[in-house]
Amino acid sequence: MAVLEHALLPVRAGSEVEFEAAVAGARPLIEGSPGFISLEIRRPTGTGQPYLLLVEWRSVADHQDGFRQSERYQRWRALLHPFYDPMPEVSYFGDLV
């Protein structure tokens, strides 16, 4: 069973273009991680709304113990975290109902 990581990314107003450019640079870091299946980052439809992050992993451990403990994550964090205010909360979801 794969798991879906979900986060709402509160990108600071006025930095959307720079954030999206940083996402392009960060994408290969997560895509090359063991257990990674897919990534979607969707733009908000309204001003001031967060971006939607959806990442599919083989397991929660692949994200928490694998990617988050890796040098790849440190580079991901350096590229993307400066845009968030506040920091996003991550949730995980399992099987379809």
Protein backbone atom coordinates (compact mmCIF):
# COMPACT_ATOMS: atom_id res chain seq x y z
CA MET A 1 0.00 0.00 0.00
CA ALA A 2 1.30 3.43 -0.93
CA VAL A 3 0.74 6.48 1.26
CA LEU A 4 -0.10 10.01 0.23
CA GLU A 5 1.70 12.89 1.91
CA HIS A 6 -0.45 16.04 2.01
CA ALA A 7 0.55 19.58 2.93
CA LEU A 8 -0.85 23.03 2.31
CA LEU A 9 2.08 25.31 1.46
CA PRO A 10 1.50 28.90 2.66
CA VAL A 11 3.78 30.73 0.22
CA ARG A 12 4.36 34.38 1.14
CA ALA A 13 2.41 36.77 -1.09
CA GLY A 14 4.51 38.24 -3.86
CA SER A 15 7.01 35.37 -3.96
CA GLU A 16 4.96 32.93 -6.04
CA VAL A 17 7.08 33.23 -9.20
CA GLU A 18 10.30 32.65 -7.26
CA PHE A 19 8.71 29.77 -5.35
CA GLU A 20 7.65 28.04 -8.56
CA ALA A 21 11.17 28.43 -9.96
CA ALA A 22 12.58 26.92 -6.75
CA VAL A 23 10.14 24.00 -7.07
CA ALA A 24 11.58 23.24 -10.50
CA GLY A 25 15.04 23.04 -8.94
CA ALA A 26 13.86 20.99 -5.96
CA ARG A 27 11.80 18.45 -7.92
CA PRO A 28 14.76 16.19 -8.89
CA LEU A 29 15.83 16.00 -5.23
CA ILE A 30 12.62 14.31 -4.15
CA GLU A 31 12.08 12.34 -7.36
CA GLY A 32 15.42 10.57 -6.86
CA SER A 33 14.58 9.44 -3.32
CA PRO A 34 14.00 5.76 -2.52
CA GLY A 35 10.30 5.03 -2.09
CA PHE A 36 9.19 8.08 -4.08
CA ILE A 37 6.27 7.41 -6.46
CA SER A 38 4.84 10.76 -7.59
CA LEU A 39 4.68 14.49 -6.83
CA GLU A 40 2.02 17.11 -7.50
CA ILE A 41 2.20 20.75 -6.45
CA ARG A 42 -0.93 22.66 -7.45
CA ARG A 43 -1.37 26.40 -7.65
CA PRO A 44 -4.09 28.04 -5.58
CA THR A 45 -7.13 29.34 -7.43
CA GLY A 46 -7.41 32.45 -5.27
CA THR A 47 -5.09 35.12 -3.97
CA GLY A 48 -3.59 34.40 -0.57
CA GLN A 49 -4.45 30.70 -0.61
CA PRO A 50 -1.83 27.99 -0.09
CA TYR A 51 -0.38 25.70 -2.73
CA LEU A 52 -1.30 22.01 -2.44
CA LEU A 53 1.49 19.44 -2.12
CA LEU A 54 0.71 15.77 -2.76
CA VAL A 55 3.52 13.21 -2.71
CA GLU A 56 2.97 9.51 -3.07
CA TRP A 57 5.44 7.29 -1.21
CA ARG A 58 5.73 3.51 -0.80
CA SER A 59 5.58 4.10 2.97
CA VAL A 60 5.63 6.83 5.61
CA ALA A 61 9.10 5.60 6.57
CA ASP A 62 10.36 6.28 3.05
CA HIS A 63 9.45 9.92 3.63
CA GLN A 64 10.25 10.39 7.32
CA ASP A 65 13.26 8.10 7.76
CA GLY A 66 14.50 8.16 4.19
CA PHE A 67 14.00 11.52 2.49
CA ARG A 68 13.76 13.68 5.61
CA GLN A 69 17.00 12.28 7.02
CA SER A 70 18.90 12.71 3.75
CA GLU A 71 21.18 15.35 2.26
CA ARG A 72 18.57 15.66 -0.53
CA TYR A 73 16.07 16.93 2.03
CA GLN A 74 18.54 19.50 3.37
CA ARG A 75 18.86 20.92 -0.16
CA TRP A 76 15.03 20.72 -0.67
CA ARG A 77 14.55 22.60 2.58
CA ALA A 78 17.11 25.28 1.66
CA LEU A 79 15.33 25.87 -1.66
CA LEU A 80 11.69 25.87 -0.53
CA HIS A 81 11.31 26.55 3.19
CA PRO A 82 12.26 30.26 3.00
CA PHE A 83 9.00 30.85 1.08
CA TYR A 84 6.67 29.47 3.79
CA ASP A 85 4.93 31.53 6.44
CA PRO A 86 4.08 29.70 8.62
CA MET A 87 5.74 26.32 8.07
CA PRO A 88 3.31 23.77 6.61
CA GLU A 89 2.02 20.76 8.52
CA VAL A 90 2.30 17.36 6.86
CA SER A 91 -0.37 14.66 7.01
CA TYR A 92 -0.38 11.12 5.60
CA PHE A 93 -3.24 9.15 4.09
CA GLY A 94 -3.56 5.44 3.31
CA ASP A 95 -5.93 3.28 1.33
CA LEU A 96 -8.78 4.60 -0.78
CA VAL A 97 -12.21 4.20 0.75
